[in-house]
C-alpha atoms as a PDB file:
ATOM      1  CA  UNK A   1      20.058 -21.319  -3.496  1.00  0.00           C
ATOM      2  CA  UNK A   2      17.591 -20.943  -0.656  1.00  0.00           C
ATOM      3  CA  UNK A   3      17.646 -17.473   0.987  1.00  0.00           C
ATOM      4  CA  UNK A   4      18.818 -17.338   4.594  1.00  0.00           C
ATOM      5  CA  UNK A   5      16.513 -16.304   7.438  1.00  0.00           C
ATOM      6  CA  UNK A   6      18.714 -13.232   7.998  1.00  0.00           C
ATOM      7  CA  UNK A   7      18.186 -12.180   4.380  1.00  0.00           C
ATOM      8  CA  UNK A   8      14.429 -12.703   4.604  1.00  0.00           C
ATOM      9  CA  UNK A   9      14.311 -10.684   7.829  1.00  0.00           C
ATOM     10  CA  UNK A  10      16.241  -7.880   6.145  1.00  0.00           C
ATOM     11  CA  UNK A  11      13.563  -7.774   3.415  1.00  0.00           C
ATOM     12  CA  UNK A  12      10.838  -7.503   6.057  1.00  0.00           C
ATOM     13  CA  UNK A  13      12.377  -4.397   7.620  1.00  0.00           C
ATOM     14  CA  UNK A  14      11.148  -0.933   6.681  1.00  0.00           C
ATOM     15  CA  UNK A  15      13.071   0.768   3.905  1.00  0.00           C
ATOM     16  CA  UNK A  16      14.065   4.279   4.988  1.00  0.00           C
ATOM     17  CA  UNK A  17      15.504   7.110   2.903  1.00  0.00           C
ATOM     18  CA  UNK A  18      15.642  10.900   2.850  1.00  0.00           C
ATOM     19  CA  UNK A  19      14.726  13.185  -0.030  1.00  0.00           C
ATOM     20  CA  UNK A  20      14.594  16.935  -0.599  1.00  0.00           C
ATOM     21  CA  UNK A  21      11.338  17.823  -2.353  1.00  0.00           C
ATOM     22  CA  UNK A  22      10.433  21.474  -3.114  1.00  0.00           C
ATOM     23  CA  UNK A  23      13.329  22.489  -0.807  1.00  0.00           C
ATOM     24  CA  UNK A  24      11.799  20.485   2.058  1.00  0.00           C
ATOM     25  CA  UNK A  25      13.937  17.738   3.566  1.00  0.00           C
ATOM     26  CA  UNK A  26      11.756  14.680   4.161  1.00  0.00           C
ATOM     27  CA  UNK A  27      12.241  11.211   5.620  1.00  0.00           C
ATOM     28  CA  UNK A  28      10.262   8.334   4.163  1.00  0.00           C
ATOM     29  CA  UNK A  29       9.690   4.781   5.260  1.00  0.00           C
ATOM     30  CA  UNK A  30       8.246   2.219   2.886  1.00  0.00           C
ATOM     31  CA  UNK A  31       8.245  -1.489   2.194  1.00  0.00           C
ATOM     32  CA  UNK A  32       8.498  -3.923  -0.698  1.00  0.00           C
ATOM     33  CA  UNK A  33       5.299  -4.120  -2.742  1.00  0.00           C
ATOM     34  CA  UNK A  34       4.582  -0.376  -2.637  1.00  0.00           C
ATOM     35  CA  UNK A  35       5.403   1.682  -5.752  1.00  0.00           C
ATOM     36  CA  UNK A  36       9.040   2.917  -5.893  1.00  0.00           C
ATOM     37  CA  UNK A  37       9.881   1.895  -2.298  1.00  0.00           C
ATOM     38  CA  UNK A  38      13.569   2.916  -2.240  1.00  0.00           C
ATOM     39  CA  UNK A  39      13.525   6.364  -3.839  1.00  0.00           C
ATOM     40  CA  UNK A  40      11.333   9.115  -5.224  1.00  0.00           C
ATOM     41  CA  UNK A  41      10.403   8.088  -8.762  1.00  0.00           C
ATOM     42  CA  UNK A  42      11.089  10.406 -11.711  1.00  0.00           C
ATOM     43  CA  UNK A  43       7.375  11.136 -12.333  1.00  0.00           C
ATOM     44  CA  UNK A  44       6.781  12.319  -8.756  1.00  0.00           C
ATOM     45  CA  UNK A  45       9.948  14.415  -8.846  1.00  0.00           C
ATOM     46  CA  UNK A  46       8.890  16.085 -12.112  1.00  0.00           C
ATOM     47  CA  UNK A  47       5.319  16.744 -10.933  1.00  0.00           C
ATOM     48  CA  UNK A  48       6.404  18.384  -7.680  1.00  0.00           C
ATOM     49  CA  UNK A  49       8.491  20.948  -9.567  1.00  0.00           C
ATOM     50  CA  UNK A  50       5.307  22.487 -10.991  1.00  0.00           C
ATOM     51  CA  UNK A  51       3.018  22.468  -7.955  1.00  0.00           C
ATOM     52  CA  UNK A  52       2.686  25.732  -6.033  1.00  0.00           C
ATOM     53  CA  UNK A  53      -0.439  25.489  -3.867  1.00  0.00           C
ATOM     54  CA  UNK A  54      -1.850  28.393  -1.893  1.00  0.00           C
ATOM     55  CA  UNK A  55      -0.827  28.115   1.759  1.00  0.00           C
ATOM     56  CA  UNK A  56      -4.452  27.438   2.765  1.00  0.00           C
ATOM     57  CA  UNK A  57      -5.299  25.090  -0.128  1.00  0.00           C
ATOM     58  CA  UNK A  58      -7.474  22.016   0.241  1.00  0.00           C
ATOM     59  CA  UNK A  59      -5.638  19.258  -1.659  1.00  0.00           C
ATOM     60  CA  UNK A  60      -6.393  15.688  -2.744  1.00  0.00           C
ATOM     61  CA  UNK A  61      -3.573  13.268  -3.596  1.00  0.00           C
ATOM     62  CA  UNK A  62      -5.044  10.430  -5.643  1.00  0.00           C
ATOM     63  CA  UNK A  63      -3.041   7.189  -5.439  1.00  0.00           C
ATOM     64  CA  UNK A  64      -0.716   8.556  -2.758  1.00  0.00           C
ATOM     65  CA  UNK A  65       1.568   5.566  -2.248  1.00  0.00           C
ATOM     66  CA  UNK A  66       3.630   6.145   0.918  1.00  0.00           C
ATOM     67  CA  UNK A  67       2.919   9.875   0.647  1.00  0.00           C
ATOM     68  CA  UNK A  68       5.725  11.829  -1.074  1.00  0.00           C
ATOM     69  CA  UNK A  69       3.438  14.124  -3.094  1.00  0.00           C
ATOM     70  CA  UNK A  70       0.719  14.687  -0.503  1.00  0.00           C
ATOM     71  CA  UNK A  71       3.123  15.206   2.402  1.00  0.00           C
ATOM     72  CA  UNK A  72       5.288  17.644   0.449  1.00  0.00           C
ATOM     73  CA  UNK A  73       2.180  19.623  -0.508  1.00  0.00           C
ATOM     74  CA  UNK A  74       1.072  19.630   3.149  1.00  0.00           C
ATOM     75  CA  UNK A  75       4.357  21.363   3.996  1.00  0.00           C
ATOM     76  CA  UNK A  76       3.837  23.866   1.158  1.00  0.00           C
ATOM     77  CA  UNK A  77       0.261  24.574   2.330  1.00  0.00           C
ATOM     78  CA  UNK A  78       0.669  24.736   6.131  1.00  0.00           C
ATOM     79  CA  UNK A  79      -2.715  26.432   6.652  1.00  0.00           C
ATOM     80  CA  UNK A  80      -4.483  24.037   4.289  1.00  0.00           C
ATOM     81  CA  UNK A  81      -5.298  20.355   4.479  1.00  0.00           C
ATOM     82  CA  UNK A  82      -4.307  17.379   2.398  1.00  0.00           C
ATOM     83  CA  UNK A  83      -6.331  14.221   1.954  1.00  0.00           C
ATOM     84  CA  UNK A  84      -4.346  11.343   0.485  1.00  0.00           C
ATOM     85  CA  UNK A  85      -5.994   8.191  -0.840  1.00  0.00           C
ATOM     86  CA  UNK A  86      -4.784   4.849  -2.093  1.00  0.00           C
ATOM     87  CA  UNK A  87      -6.435   1.497  -2.726  1.00  0.00           C
ATOM     88  CA  UNK A  88      -3.448  -0.319  -1.173  1.00  0.00           C
ATOM     89  CA  UNK A  89      -3.839  -0.560   2.614  1.00  0.00           C
ATOM     90  CA  UNK A  90      -0.075  -0.790   3.127  1.00  0.00           C
ATOM     91  CA  UNK A  91       0.453   2.437   1.170  1.00  0.00           C
ATOM     92  CA  UNK A  92      -2.149   4.174   3.377  1.00  0.00           C
ATOM     93  CA  UNK A  93      -0.487   2.850   6.536  1.00  0.00           C
ATOM     94  CA  UNK A  94       2.943   4.095   5.451  1.00  0.00           C
ATOM     95  CA  UNK A  95       1.605   7.472   4.267  1.00  0.00           C
ATOM     96  CA  UNK A  96       0.083   8.071   7.707  1.00  0.00           C
ATOM     97  CA  UNK A  97       3.254   6.876   9.446  1.00  0.00           C
ATOM     98  CA  UNK A  98       5.347   9.182   7.235  1.00  0.00           C
ATOM     99  CA  UNK A  99       3.117  12.129   8.155  1.00  0.00           C
ATOM    100  CA  UNK A 100       3.956  11.486  11.831  1.00  0.00           C
ATOM    101  CA  UNK A 101       7.627  10.873  11.032  1.00  0.00           C
ATOM    102  CA  UNK A 102       7.862  14.299   9.351  1.00  0.00           C
ATOM    103  CA  UNK A 103       5.792  16.143  11.953  1.00  0.00           C
ATOM    104  CA  UNK A 104       2.990  16.885   9.467  1.00  0.00           C
ATOM    105  CA  UNK A 105      -0.387  17.414  11.129  1.00  0.00           C
ATOM    106  CA  UNK A 106      -2.441  18.741   8.177  1.00  0.00           C
ATOM    107  CA  UNK A 107      -2.436  15.540   6.091  1.00  0.00           C
ATOM    108  CA  UNK A 108      -4.087  12.150   6.420  1.00  0.00           C
ATOM    109  CA  UNK A 109      -4.362   9.098   4.197  1.00  0.00           C
ATOM    110  CA  UNK A 110      -7.497   7.004   3.708  1.00  0.00           C
ATOM    111  CA  UNK A 111      -8.177   3.697   1.995  1.00  0.00           C
ATOM    112  CA  UNK A 112     -10.162   4.482  -1.146  1.00  0.00           C
ATOM    113  CA  UNK A 113     -10.345   3.337  -4.747  1.00  0.00           C
ATOM    114  CA  UNK A 114     -10.258   6.752  -6.404  1.00  0.00           C
ATOM    115  CA  UNK A 115     -12.883   8.975  -4.743  1.00  0.00           C
ATOM    116  CA  UNK A 116     -15.054   6.041  -3.612  1.00  0.00           C
ATOM    117  CA  UNK A 117     -14.611   6.701   0.137  1.00  0.00           C
ATOM    118  CA  UNK A 118     -14.317  10.501   0.001  1.00  0.00           C
ATOM    119  CA  UNK A 119     -17.270  12.361   1.567  1.00  0.00           C
ATOM    120  CA  UNK A 120     -19.608  13.364  -1.260  1.00  0.00           C
ATOM    121  CA  UNK A 121     -19.712  17.009  -0.130  1.00  0.00           C
ATOM    122  CA  UNK A 122     -15.944  17.461   0.236  1.00  0.00           C
ATOM    123  CA  UNK A 123     -14.333  19.891  -2.245  1.00  0.00           C
ATOM    124  CA  UNK A 124     -10.717  20.554  -3.188  1.00  0.00           C
ATOM    125  CA  UNK A 125      -8.692  23.442  -4.632  1.00  0.00           C
ATOM    126  CA  UNK A 126      -6.071  21.109  -6.096  1.00  0.00           C
ATOM    127  CA  UNK A 127      -6.163  17.462  -7.164  1.00  0.00           C
ATOM    128  CA  UNK A 128      -2.875  15.726  -7.965  1.00  0.00           C
ATOM    129  CA  UNK A 129      -1.954  12.256  -9.142  1.00  0.00           C
ATOM    130  CA  UNK A 130       1.010  10.304 -10.392  1.00  0.00           C
ATOM    131  CA  UNK A 131      -1.225   8.217 -12.652  1.00  0.00           C
ATOM    132  CA  UNK A 132      -0.335   4.491 -12.848  1.00  0.00           C
ATOM    133  CA  UNK A 133       0.531   3.445 -16.407  1.00  0.00           C
ATOM    134  CA  UNK A 134      -1.944   0.542 -16.287  1.00  0.00           C
ATOM    135  CA  UNK A 135      -4.870   2.357 -14.673  1.00  0.00           C
ATOM    136  CA  UNK A 136      -7.375   1.274 -17.372  1.00  0.00           C
ATOM    137  CA  UNK A 137     -10.005   3.261 -19.290  1.00  0.00           C
ATOM    138  CA  UNK A 138     -12.886   2.651 -16.895  1.00  0.00           C
ATOM    139  CA  UNK A 139     -10.955   3.706 -13.786  1.00  0.00           C
ATOM    140  CA  UNK A 140      -9.527   6.750 -15.569  1.00  0.00           C
ATOM    141  CA  UNK A 141     -13.031   7.824 -16.621  1.00  0.00           C
ATOM    142  CA  UNK A 142     -14.251   7.492 -13.019  1.00  0.00           C
ATOM    143  CA  UNK A 143     -11.197   9.287 -11.613  1.00  0.00           C
ATOM    144  CA  UNK A 144     -11.529  12.334 -13.858  1.00  0.00           C
ATOM    145  CA  UNK A 145     -15.312  12.701 -13.586  1.00  0.00           C
ATOM    146  CA  UNK A 146     -15.207  12.216  -9.809  1.00  0.00           C
ATOM    147  CA  UNK A 147     -12.304  14.665  -9.508  1.00  0.00           C
ATOM    148  CA  UNK A 148     -14.314  17.265 -11.427  1.00  0.00           C
ATOM    149  CA  UNK A 149     -17.278  16.789  -9.112  1.00  0.00           C
ATOM    150  CA  UNK A 150     -15.085  17.167  -5.994  1.00  0.00           C
ATOM    151  CA  UNK A 151     -13.282  20.324  -7.183  1.00  0.00           C
ATOM    152  CA  UNK A 152     -14.082  23.925  -6.305  1.00  0.00           C
ATOM    153  CA  UNK A 153     -14.644  26.350  -9.220  1.00  0.00           C
ATOM    154  CA  UNK A 154     -11.208  27.484 -10.403  1.00  0.00           C
ATOM    155  CA  UNK A 155      -9.516  24.410  -8.925  1.00  0.00           C
ATOM    156  CA  UNK A 156      -6.810  22.632 -10.930  1.00  0.00           C
ATOM    157  CA  UNK A 157      -6.029  18.985 -11.496  1.00  0.00           C
ATOM    158  CA  UNK A 158      -2.347  18.176 -12.086  1.00  0.00           C
ATOM    159  CA  UNK A 159      -1.382  14.771 -13.463  1.00  0.00           C
ATOM    160  CA  UNK A 160       1.924  13.173 -14.320  1.00  0.00           C
ATOM    161  CA  UNK A 161       1.902  10.198 -16.679  1.00  0.00           C
ATOM    162  CA  UNK A 162       4.336   8.189 -18.735  1.00  0.00           C
ATOM    163  CA  UNK A 163       4.769   9.870 -22.116  1.00  0.00           C
ATOM    164  CA  UNK A 164       2.857   7.067 -23.820  1.00  0.00           C
ATOM    165  CA  UNK A 165      -0.344   8.235 -22.086  1.00  0.00           C
ATOM    166  CA  UNK A 166       0.111  11.921 -22.990  1.00  0.00           C
ATOM    167  CA  UNK A 167      -2.355  12.083 -25.913  1.00  0.00           C
ATOM    168  CA  UNK A 168      -4.842   9.854 -24.087  1.00  0.00           C
ATOM    169  CA  UNK A 169      -4.782  12.206 -21.072  1.00  0.00           C
ATOM    170  CA  UNK A 170      -5.089  15.256 -23.313  1.00  0.00           C
ATOM    171  CA  UNK A 171      -8.273  13.862 -24.901  1.00  0.00           C
ATOM    172  CA  UNK A 172      -9.762  12.866 -21.552  1.00  0.00           C
ATOM    173  CA  UNK A 173      -8.973  16.140 -19.783  1.00  0.00           C
ATOM    174  CA  UNK A 174     -10.428  18.138 -22.680  1.00  0.00           C
ATOM    175  CA  UNK A 175     -13.542  15.969 -22.634  1.00  0.00           C
ATOM    176  CA  UNK A 176     -14.141  16.287 -18.863  1.00  0.00           C
ATOM    177  CA  UNK A 177     -12.816  19.799 -18.140  1.00  0.00           C
ATOM    178  CA  UNK A 178     -13.099  21.479 -21.533  1.00  0.00           C
ATOM    179  CA  UNK A 179      -9.441  22.538 -21.380  1.00  0.00           C
ATOM    180  CA  UNK A 180      -5.931  21.123 -21.177  1.00  0.00           C
ATOM    181  CA  UNK A 181      -2.396  22.385 -20.710  1.00  0.00           C
ATOM    182  CA  UNK A 182       0.840  20.479 -21.123  1.00  0.00           C
ATOM    183  CA  UNK A 183       3.146  21.886 -18.460  1.00  0.00           C
ATOM    184  CA  UNK A 184       6.290  19.874 -19.143  1.00  0.00           C
ATOM    185  CA  UNK A 185       7.311  16.841 -21.156  1.00  0.00           C
ATOM    186  CA  UNK A 186      10.429  15.161 -19.836  1.00  0.00           C
ATOM    187  CA  UNK A 187      12.385  12.165 -21.101  1.00  0.00           C
ATOM    188  CA  UNK A 188       9.851   9.654 -19.765  1.00  0.00           C
ATOM    189  CA  UNK A 189       7.023  11.613 -18.111  1.00  0.00           C
ATOM    190  CA  UNK A 190       4.612  14.437 -18.941  1.00  0.00           C
ATOM    191  CA  UNK A 191       3.028  16.869 -16.474  1.00  0.00           C
ATOM    192  CA  UNK A 192      -0.358  18.177 -17.608  1.00  0.00           C
ATOM    193  CA  UNK A 193      -3.214  20.014 -15.986  1.00  0.00           C
ATOM    194  CA  UNK A 194      -6.742  21.299 -16.452  1.00  0.00           C
ATOM    195  CA  UNK A 195      -8.909  23.784 -14.566  1.00  0.00           C
ATOM    196  CA  UNK A 196     -12.519  23.523 -13.444  1.00  0.00           C
ATOM    197  CA  UNK A 197     -14.054  26.644 -14.973  1.00  0.00           C
END
């Protein structure tokens, strides 16, 4: 059966929902085609439980989607700044719109494949990512090495992945950072981190 014009128009409208993340009530708008458009996915929810940035931290959210991680961290670090990046221009557009929607002035999203469009001299105290399951070896290698280069000494990288990538991430973090810590393994996702020593 052919969909009606009313139905098609309903699909074109922004999806809007509220979520409480790290005790902060947030409103998000998204659209079809962006990752987890109707609700906060389980990986993001798990990751945010273990992030406690300093209030003046400089933070990078890699693969930000419509902004739930980066914007929550911007609220937790009101004297800091958050740079969000995604290779999907619609995700970047919605992340910036959601910053305005939530009255967040210390976060912005840019279009970038990993760190490709991040200023070479910019450094971060915290790098976070909800790593896509199909990111690929080459992109993962670039992401981790570029993250290391853009991190201040003592900075941490926090990643959440599907459990199937847990051992792969452990090997890669140990190779790049020389250390690795599994923070939490849930039913489907694992939070892990490493520190730039």
